[in-house]
Structure formats: C-alpha cells, structure tokens
C-alpha cells in the first residue's frame, strides 16, 4: 500500500511540474510575441521582420538559457541598436527562459 501511495504521489508531482513548465513556456512565448515580434521571429516558422534582429530560435541555439536569464535580470542592452531595455520580474524571466529552452530543445 505504501509503495502504491508513493507511486501516486510521485506521478502527481511529476505531472504538476510538467504542467507548470508548459504554462511557463506558453507565458514566455506570449510575452515574446507582445514585446519582441515587431523585430524578431518568435517561433521557428515566423517571418523575420528585421534582418538585423536574430530569430529567437537562433538566439536559443547561440546562448545557454542561464546566460539569457542573467542578461534579462540585469536589464543589459543586447542585440540591435534600437532594441529597448526591458525590466523583467523573476516570473517573467522564468517564463522567457522556459520558452528559450523549448526552442533550444526543438532544434
């Protein structure tokens, strides 16, 4: 009986973690579309509005997610010359990184 209860709890925990990660990816993609899609291709099949703004899939392959998280947290200016500087909350950074991790894993 204890083994069965442990297995159920483990399954529920894994499911909850996966659901949270999926929700973060969706939130990150939505935030990227709202803030970045005027210059960057957000999804792999999106058009590239500006030639000097790399597609997100390229950024995901070029930089480890931890490096992007640090950049987002510091509010560092990166990318093209007229890229705005954003201030993200911890939750927003986690969502963006989850989306970049999905893009990195898809390639």
C-alpha atoms as a PDB file:
ATOM      1  CA  UNK A   1       0.000   0.000   0.000  1.00  0.00           C
ATOM      2  CA  UNK A   2       2.817   2.453   0.864  1.00  0.00           C
ATOM      3  CA  UNK A   3       4.528   1.758  -2.456  1.00  0.00           C
ATOM      4  CA  UNK A   4       1.287   2.465  -4.299  1.00  0.00           C
ATOM      5  CA  UNK A   5       0.734   5.742  -2.425  1.00  0.00           C
ATOM      6  CA  UNK A   6       4.347   6.737  -3.092  1.00  0.00           C
ATOM      7  CA  UNK A   7       3.932   5.981  -6.790  1.00  0.00           C
ATOM      8  CA  UNK A   8       0.749   8.046  -6.963  1.00  0.00           C
ATOM      9  CA  UNK A   9       2.382  10.987  -5.178  1.00  0.00           C
ATOM     10  CA  UNK A  10       5.390  10.802  -7.470  1.00  0.00           C
ATOM     11  CA  UNK A  11       3.159  10.719 -10.543  1.00  0.00           C
ATOM     12  CA  UNK A  12       1.155  13.716  -9.336  1.00  0.00           C
ATOM     13  CA  UNK A  13       4.351  15.637  -8.555  1.00  0.00           C
ATOM     14  CA  UNK A  14       5.831  14.941 -11.981  1.00  0.00           C
ATOM     15  CA  UNK A  15       2.554  15.905 -13.670  1.00  0.00           C
ATOM     16  CA  UNK A  16       2.360  19.176 -11.720  1.00  0.00           C
ATOM     17  CA  UNK A  17       5.972  20.032 -12.554  1.00  0.00           C
ATOM     18  CA  UNK A  18       5.369  19.318 -16.265  1.00  0.00           C
ATOM     19  CA  UNK A  19       2.183  21.380 -16.262  1.00  0.00           C
ATOM     20  CA  UNK A  20       3.968  24.300 -14.615  1.00  0.00           C
ATOM     21  CA  UNK A  21       6.840  24.123 -17.117  1.00  0.00           C
ATOM     22  CA  UNK A  22       4.359  24.036 -20.002  1.00  0.00           C
ATOM     23  CA  UNK A  23       2.491  27.057 -18.556  1.00  0.00           C
ATOM     24  CA  UNK A  24       5.804  28.942 -18.261  1.00  0.00           C
ATOM     25  CA  UNK A  25       6.631  28.165 -21.912  1.00  0.00           C
ATOM     26  CA  UNK A  26       3.227  29.427 -23.050  1.00  0.00           C
ATOM     27  CA  UNK A  27       3.550  32.589 -20.949  1.00  0.00           C
ATOM     28  CA  UNK A  28       7.086  33.173 -22.239  1.00  0.00           C
ATOM     29  CA  UNK A  29       6.013  32.795 -25.852  1.00  0.00           C
ATOM     30  CA  UNK A  30       3.053  35.157 -25.323  1.00  0.00           C
ATOM     31  CA  UNK A  31       5.305  37.748 -23.682  1.00  0.00           C
ATOM     32  CA  UNK A  32       7.848  37.435 -26.501  1.00  0.00           C
ATOM     33  CA  UNK A  33       5.124  37.915 -29.108  1.00  0.00           C
ATOM     34  CA  UNK A  34       3.836  41.006 -27.305  1.00  0.00           C
ATOM     35  CA  UNK A  35       7.238  42.614 -26.728  1.00  0.00           C
ATOM     36  CA  UNK A  36       9.575  41.288 -29.408  1.00  0.00           C
ATOM     37  CA  UNK A  37       7.658  40.169 -32.508  1.00  0.00           C
ATOM     38  CA  UNK A  38       7.872  43.558 -34.208  1.00  0.00           C
ATOM     39  CA  UNK A  39      11.587  42.851 -34.754  1.00  0.00           C
ATOM     40  CA  UNK A  40      12.277  39.149 -34.056  1.00  0.00           C
ATOM     41  CA  UNK A  41      10.848  35.915 -35.416  1.00  0.00           C
ATOM     42  CA  UNK A  42       9.478  34.401 -32.210  1.00  0.00           C
ATOM     43  CA  UNK A  43       8.554  30.891 -33.387  1.00  0.00           C
ATOM     44  CA  UNK A  44      10.676  28.863 -35.832  1.00  0.00           C
ATOM     45  CA  UNK A  45       8.265  29.415 -38.741  1.00  0.00           C
ATOM     46  CA  UNK A  46       7.558  33.106 -38.072  1.00  0.00           C
ATOM     47  CA  UNK A  47       8.666  35.726 -40.583  1.00  0.00           C
ATOM     48  CA  UNK A  48      11.745  37.765 -39.715  1.00  0.00           C
ATOM     49  CA  UNK A  49      10.584  41.415 -39.531  1.00  0.00           C
ATOM     50  CA  UNK A  50      14.119  42.859 -39.267  1.00  0.00           C
ATOM     51  CA  UNK A  51      17.169  41.292 -40.872  1.00  0.00           C
ATOM     52  CA  UNK A  52      19.435  42.603 -38.078  1.00  0.00           C
ATOM     53  CA  UNK A  53      17.284  41.092 -35.306  1.00  0.00           C
ATOM     54  CA  UNK A  54      18.060  37.370 -34.992  1.00  0.00           C
ATOM     55  CA  UNK A  55      15.206  34.884 -34.757  1.00  0.00           C
ATOM     56  CA  UNK A  56      14.583  33.529 -31.268  1.00  0.00           C
ATOM     57  CA  UNK A  57      15.462  30.004 -32.362  1.00  0.00           C
ATOM     58  CA  UNK A  58      18.920  31.276 -33.363  1.00  0.00           C
ATOM     59  CA  UNK A  59      19.336  33.066 -30.027  1.00  0.00           C
ATOM     60  CA  UNK A  60      18.277  29.883 -28.211  1.00  0.00           C
ATOM     61  CA  UNK A  61      20.940  27.897 -30.056  1.00  0.00           C
ATOM     62  CA  UNK A  62      23.651  30.516 -29.624  1.00  0.00           C
ATOM     63  CA  UNK A  63      23.318  31.204 -25.882  1.00  0.00           C
ATOM     64  CA  UNK A  64      22.715  28.897 -22.906  1.00  0.00           C
ATOM     65  CA  UNK A  65      19.444  29.698 -21.123  1.00  0.00           C
ATOM     66  CA  UNK A  66      21.305  30.587 -17.896  1.00  0.00           C
ATOM     67  CA  UNK A  67      23.208  33.307 -19.763  1.00  0.00           C
ATOM     68  CA  UNK A  68      19.967  34.716 -21.119  1.00  0.00           C
ATOM     69  CA  UNK A  69      18.431  34.702 -17.641  1.00  0.00           C
ATOM     70  CA  UNK A  70      21.333  36.736 -16.292  1.00  0.00           C
ATOM     71  CA  UNK A  71      21.071  39.181 -19.197  1.00  0.00           C
ATOM     72  CA  UNK A  72      17.318  39.607 -18.675  1.00  0.00           C
ATOM     73  CA  UNK A  73      17.787  40.087 -14.924  1.00  0.00           C
ATOM     74  CA  UNK A  74      20.446  42.744 -15.367  1.00  0.00           C
ATOM     75  CA  UNK A  75      18.454  44.622 -17.978  1.00  0.00           C
ATOM     76  CA  UNK A  76      21.506  44.628 -20.216  1.00  0.00           C
ATOM     77  CA  UNK A  77      21.198  46.112 -23.661  1.00  0.00           C
ATOM     78  CA  UNK A  78      21.903  43.452 -26.233  1.00  0.00           C
ATOM     79  CA  UNK A  79      21.061  42.897 -29.832  1.00  0.00           C
ATOM     80  CA  UNK A  80      20.306  45.515 -32.394  1.00  0.00           C
ATOM     81  CA  UNK A  81      20.999  49.201 -31.930  1.00  0.00           C
ATOM     82  CA  UNK A  82      17.455  50.371 -31.193  1.00  0.00           C
ATOM     83  CA  UNK A  83      16.433  47.415 -29.038  1.00  0.00           C
ATOM     84  CA  UNK A  84      14.592  48.699 -25.964  1.00  0.00           C
ATOM     85  CA  UNK A  85      15.826  47.894 -22.498  1.00  0.00           C
ATOM     86  CA  UNK A  86      13.311  45.823 -20.544  1.00  0.00           C
ATOM     87  CA  UNK A  87      12.957  45.277 -16.808  1.00  0.00           C
ATOM     88  CA  UNK A  88      11.567  41.809 -16.160  1.00  0.00           C
ATOM     89  CA  UNK A  89      10.274  40.273 -12.952  1.00  0.00           C
ATOM     90  CA  UNK A  90      11.664  36.928 -11.809  1.00  0.00           C
ATOM     91  CA  UNK A  91       8.474  35.211 -13.014  1.00  0.00           C
ATOM     92  CA  UNK A  92       8.738  36.851 -16.446  1.00  0.00           C
ATOM     93  CA  UNK A  93      12.376  35.792 -16.745  1.00  0.00           C
ATOM     94  CA  UNK A  94      11.481  32.227 -15.805  1.00  0.00           C
ATOM     95  CA  UNK A  95       8.762  32.199 -18.474  1.00  0.00           C
ATOM     96  CA  UNK A  96      11.038  33.594 -21.175  1.00  0.00           C
ATOM     97  CA  UNK A  97      13.776  31.122 -20.290  1.00  0.00           C
ATOM     98  CA  UNK A  98      11.288  28.236 -20.390  1.00  0.00           C
ATOM     99  CA  UNK A  99      10.348  29.298 -23.917  1.00  0.00           C
ATOM    100  CA  UNK A 100      14.001  29.615 -24.980  1.00  0.00           C
ATOM    101  CA  UNK A 101      14.700  26.177 -23.504  1.00  0.00           C
ATOM    102  CA  UNK A 102      11.841  24.740 -25.589  1.00  0.00           C
ATOM    103  CA  UNK A 103      13.260  26.372 -28.720  1.00  0.00           C
ATOM    104  CA  UNK A 104      16.738  25.056 -27.908  1.00  0.00           C
ATOM    105  CA  UNK A 105      15.419  21.526 -27.367  1.00  0.00           C
ATOM    106  CA  UNK A 106      13.418  21.606 -30.611  1.00  0.00           C
ATOM    107  CA  UNK A 107      16.488  22.030 -32.810  1.00  0.00           C
END
